[in-house]
Amino acid sequence: MPRPDPVAGRAAEEAAAAALARAGYRVLARNCRTPFGEIDIVAERRGALAFVEVKARRAGGTAGTPEDALTRKKIRRVARAAAHLAAAKGLADSPREFLGAAVDLSPEGAPRDVRLVPVEDVA
């Protein structure tokens, strides 16, 4: 498996944050660490908190699509981290949604396309 490229990863997160803003979300925080793992982006829209997992893949790579990386196990981890974060911030009763930000990268690692993919809370 190829090693993650931190520069491409940061570019993918920037592209995801921009896509969220275009879709009417307000980004509240990025790279939130909890005892259950990191949440890439926390955003808000219409009173609901959105917890976003960013996945990026290079065109022509062998790792599949970004959506392939949004596994049930990954979403369960994000849901546990989100529950912890919401409780810690006094927002446990706030409506929530979980999104994947699927980012297609060029072979050089530049973001080409971002798709916001609703995923179920499978905690």
C-alpha atoms as a PDB file:
ATOM      1  CA  MET A   1       0.000   0.000   0.000  1.00  0.00           C
ATOM      2  CA  PRO A   2       1.403   3.424  -0.924  1.00  0.00           C
ATOM      3  CA  ARG A   3       2.330   5.777   1.883  1.00  0.00           C
ATOM      4  CA  PRO A   4       0.032   8.720   2.571  1.00  0.00           C
ATOM      5  CA  ASP A   5       1.235  11.986   1.098  1.00  0.00           C
ATOM      6  CA  PRO A   6       0.800  14.692   3.784  1.00  0.00           C
ATOM      7  CA  VAL A   7       0.847  17.518   1.225  1.00  0.00           C
ATOM      8  CA  ALA A   8      -1.857  15.870  -0.886  1.00  0.00           C
ATOM      9  CA  GLY A   9      -3.796  15.080   2.306  1.00  0.00           C
ATOM     10  CA  ARG A  10      -3.794  18.714   3.387  1.00  0.00           C
ATOM     11  CA  ALA A  11      -4.832  19.784  -0.119  1.00  0.00           C
ATOM     12  CA  ALA A  12      -7.680  17.247  -0.038  1.00  0.00           C
ATOM     13  CA  GLU A  13      -8.879  18.593   3.336  1.00  0.00           C
ATOM     14  CA  GLU A  14      -8.747  22.166   1.996  1.00  0.00           C
ATOM     15  CA  ALA A  15     -10.770  21.109  -1.065  1.00  0.00           C
ATOM     16  CA  ALA A  16     -13.283  19.307   1.168  1.00  0.00           C
ATOM     17  CA  ALA A  17     -13.683  22.385   3.402  1.00  0.00           C
ATOM     18  CA  ALA A  18     -14.285  24.540   0.312  1.00  0.00           C
ATOM     19  CA  ALA A  19     -16.876  22.058  -1.015  1.00  0.00           C
ATOM     20  CA  LEU A  20     -18.653  22.109   2.340  1.00  0.00           C
ATOM     21  CA  ALA A  21     -18.748  25.919   2.281  1.00  0.00           C
ATOM     22  CA  ARG A  22     -20.204  25.873  -1.255  1.00  0.00           C
ATOM     23  CA  ALA A  23     -22.882  23.449  -0.009  1.00  0.00           C
ATOM     24  CA  GLY A  24     -23.882  25.866   2.764  1.00  0.00           C
ATOM     25  CA  TYR A  25     -21.923  24.401   5.676  1.00  0.00           C
ATOM     26  CA  ARG A  26     -19.920  26.491   8.112  1.00  0.00           C
ATOM     27  CA  VAL A  27     -16.668  24.775   9.064  1.00  0.00           C
ATOM     28  CA  LEU A  28     -16.302  24.882  12.853  1.00  0.00           C
ATOM     29  CA  ALA A  29     -13.133  22.861  13.402  1.00  0.00           C
ATOM     30  CA  ARG A  30     -10.600  20.664  11.653  1.00  0.00           C
ATOM     31  CA  ASN A  31      -8.512  17.733  12.807  1.00  0.00           C
ATOM     32  CA  CYS A  32     -10.321  17.337  16.143  1.00  0.00           C
ATOM     33  CA  ARG A  33      -8.604  14.709  18.253  1.00  0.00           C
ATOM     34  CA  THR A  34     -10.602  12.618  20.708  1.00  0.00           C
ATOM     35  CA  PRO A  35      -9.772   9.446  22.651  1.00  0.00           C
ATOM     36  CA  PHE A  36     -11.629   7.579  19.880  1.00  0.00           C
ATOM     37  CA  GLY A  37      -9.700   9.073  16.975  1.00  0.00           C
ATOM     38  CA  GLU A  38      -9.592  12.188  14.864  1.00  0.00           C
ATOM     39  CA  ILE A  39     -12.481  13.874  13.085  1.00  0.00           C
ATOM     40  CA  ASP A  40     -11.222  15.539   9.911  1.00  0.00           C
ATOM     41  CA  ILE A  41     -13.820  18.320   9.737  1.00  0.00           C
ATOM     42  CA  VAL A  42     -16.666  19.419  11.994  1.00  0.00           C
ATOM     43  CA  ALA A  43     -19.178  21.693  10.292  1.00  0.00           C
ATOM     44  CA  GLU A  44     -22.670  23.040  10.871  1.00  0.00           C
ATOM     45  CA  ARG A  45     -25.642  23.637   8.612  1.00  0.00           C
ATOM     46  CA  ARG A  46     -29.186  24.533   9.621  1.00  0.00           C
ATOM     47  CA  GLY A  47     -28.513  23.718  13.269  1.00  0.00           C
ATOM     48  CA  ALA A  48     -27.143  20.234  12.608  1.00  0.00           C
ATOM     49  CA  LEU A  49     -23.543  19.243  13.270  1.00  0.00           C
ATOM     50  CA  ALA A  50     -21.793  17.494  10.402  1.00  0.00           C
ATOM     51  CA  PHE A  51     -18.856  15.205  11.091  1.00  0.00           C
ATOM     52  CA  VAL A  52     -16.797  14.712   7.956  1.00  0.00           C
ATOM     53  CA  GLU A  53     -14.246  12.022   7.092  1.00  0.00           C
ATOM     54  CA  VAL A  54     -12.023  13.055   4.172  1.00  0.00           C
ATOM     55  CA  LYS A  55     -10.718  10.330   1.877  1.00  0.00           C
ATOM     56  CA  ALA A  56      -8.582  11.023  -1.187  1.00  0.00           C
ATOM     57  CA  ARG A  57      -7.201   8.821  -3.932  1.00  0.00           C
ATOM     58  CA  ARG A  58      -4.941   9.560  -6.904  1.00  0.00           C
ATOM     59  CA  ALA A  59      -6.167   8.935 -10.412  1.00  0.00           C
ATOM     60  CA  GLY A  60      -4.790   5.711 -11.768  1.00  0.00           C
ATOM     61  CA  GLY A  61      -3.841   4.443  -8.312  1.00  0.00           C
ATOM     62  CA  THR A  62      -4.423   0.906  -7.112  1.00  0.00           C
ATOM     63  CA  ALA A  63      -6.153   1.837  -3.825  1.00  0.00           C
ATOM     64  CA  GLY A  64      -9.637   2.134  -5.369  1.00  0.00           C
ATOM     65  CA  THR A  65     -11.942   5.103  -5.067  1.00  0.00           C
ATOM     66  CA  PRO A  66     -12.167   7.459  -2.109  1.00  0.00           C
ATOM     67  CA  GLU A  67     -15.647   6.068  -1.434  1.00  0.00           C
ATOM     68  CA  ASP A  68     -14.121   2.578  -1.079  1.00  0.00           C
ATOM     69  CA  ALA A  69     -12.176   3.881   1.925  1.00  0.00           C
ATOM     70  CA  LEU A  70     -15.349   5.009   3.735  1.00  0.00           C
ATOM     71  CA  THR A  71     -15.720   1.656   5.412  1.00  0.00           C
ATOM     72  CA  ARG A  72     -18.233   0.695   8.074  1.00  0.00           C
ATOM     73  CA  LYS A  73     -15.373   0.413  10.587  1.00  0.00           C
ATOM     74  CA  LYS A  74     -14.129   3.931   9.727  1.00  0.00           C
ATOM     75  CA  ILE A  75     -17.599   5.468  10.057  1.00  0.00           C
ATOM     76  CA  ARG A  76     -18.161   3.668  13.389  1.00  0.00           C
ATOM     77  CA  ARG A  77     -14.927   5.218  14.675  1.00  0.00           C
ATOM     78  CA  VAL A  78     -15.974   8.679  13.507  1.00  0.00           C
ATOM     79  CA  ALA A  79     -19.408   8.235  15.127  1.00  0.00           C
ATOM     80  CA  ARG A  80     -17.826   7.326  18.482  1.00  0.00           C
ATOM     81  CA  ALA A  81     -15.442  10.280  18.249  1.00  0.00           C
ATOM     82  CA  ALA A  82     -18.360  12.560  17.298  1.00  0.00           C
ATOM     83  CA  ALA A  83     -20.446  11.405  20.272  1.00  0.00           C
ATOM     84  CA  HIS A  84     -17.514  12.083  22.593  1.00  0.00           C
ATOM     85  CA  LEU A  85     -16.821  15.517  21.106  1.00  0.00           C
ATOM     86  CA  ALA A  86     -20.500  16.556  21.141  1.00  0.00           C
ATOM     87  CA  ALA A  87     -20.859  15.501  24.781  1.00  0.00           C
ATOM     88  CA  ALA A  88     -17.657  17.311  25.772  1.00  0.00           C
ATOM     89  CA  LYS A  89     -18.916  20.526  24.130  1.00  0.00           C
ATOM     90  CA  GLY A  90     -22.422  20.268  25.643  1.00  0.00           C
ATOM     91  CA  LEU A  91     -23.962  19.496  22.258  1.00  0.00           C
ATOM     92  CA  ALA A  92     -25.016  15.880  22.842  1.00  0.00           C
ATOM     93  CA  ASP A  93     -28.647  16.661  21.925  1.00  0.00           C
ATOM     94  CA  SER A  94     -27.797  18.475  18.677  1.00  0.00           C
ATOM     95  CA  PRO A  95     -28.882  16.827  15.434  1.00  0.00           C
ATOM     96  CA  ARG A  96     -25.955  15.245  13.593  1.00  0.00           C
ATOM     97  CA  GLU A  97     -25.053  14.005  10.209  1.00  0.00           C
ATOM     98  CA  PHE A  98     -22.066  12.078   8.942  1.00  0.00           C
ATOM     99  CA  LEU A  99     -20.475  12.814   5.603  1.00  0.00           C
ATOM    100  CA  GLY A 100     -17.624  11.446   3.608  1.00  0.00           C
ATOM    101  CA  ALA A 101     -15.701  13.894   1.458  1.00  0.00           C
ATOM    102  CA  ALA A 102     -14.456  11.808  -1.466  1.00  0.00           C
ATOM    103  CA  VAL A 103     -11.615  13.678  -3.162  1.00  0.00           C
ATOM    104  CA  ASP A 104     -10.196  12.656  -6.521  1.00  0.00           C
ATOM    105  CA  LEU A 105      -6.571  13.708  -6.910  1.00  0.00           C
ATOM    106  CA  SER A 106      -4.503  14.171 -10.043  1.00  0.00           C
ATOM    107  CA  PRO A 107      -1.476  11.881 -10.411  1.00  0.00           C
ATOM    108  CA  GLU A 108       0.560  14.771  -8.946  1.00  0.00           C
ATOM    109  CA  GLY A 109      -1.706  14.996  -5.875  1.00  0.00           C
ATOM    110  CA  ALA A 110      -3.780  18.087  -6.701  1.00  0.00           C
ATOM    111  CA  PRO A 111      -7.519  17.887  -5.900  1.00  0.00           C
ATOM    112  CA  ARG A 112      -9.662  17.485  -9.027  1.00  0.00           C
ATOM    113  CA  ASP A 113     -13.132  16.770  -7.683  1.00  0.00           C
ATOM    114  CA  VAL A 114     -14.894  16.526  -4.316  1.00  0.00           C
ATOM    115  CA  ARG A 115     -18.094  14.598  -3.655  1.00  0.00           C
ATOM    116  CA  LEU A 116     -19.929  14.960  -0.342  1.00  0.00           C
ATOM    117  CA  VAL A 117     -21.321  11.527   0.449  1.00  0.00           C
ATOM    118  CA  PRO A 118     -23.886  11.058   3.236  1.00  0.00           C
ATOM    119  CA  VAL A 119     -23.021   8.042   5.377  1.00  0.00           C
ATOM    120  CA  GLU A 120     -25.035   6.393   8.121  1.00  0.00           C
ATOM    121  CA  ASP A 121     -24.197   6.590  11.813  1.00  0.00           C
ATOM    122  CA  VAL A 122     -23.334   2.954  12.434  1.00  0.00           C
ATOM    123  CA  ALA A 123     -22.109   3.305  16.021  1.00  0.00           C
END
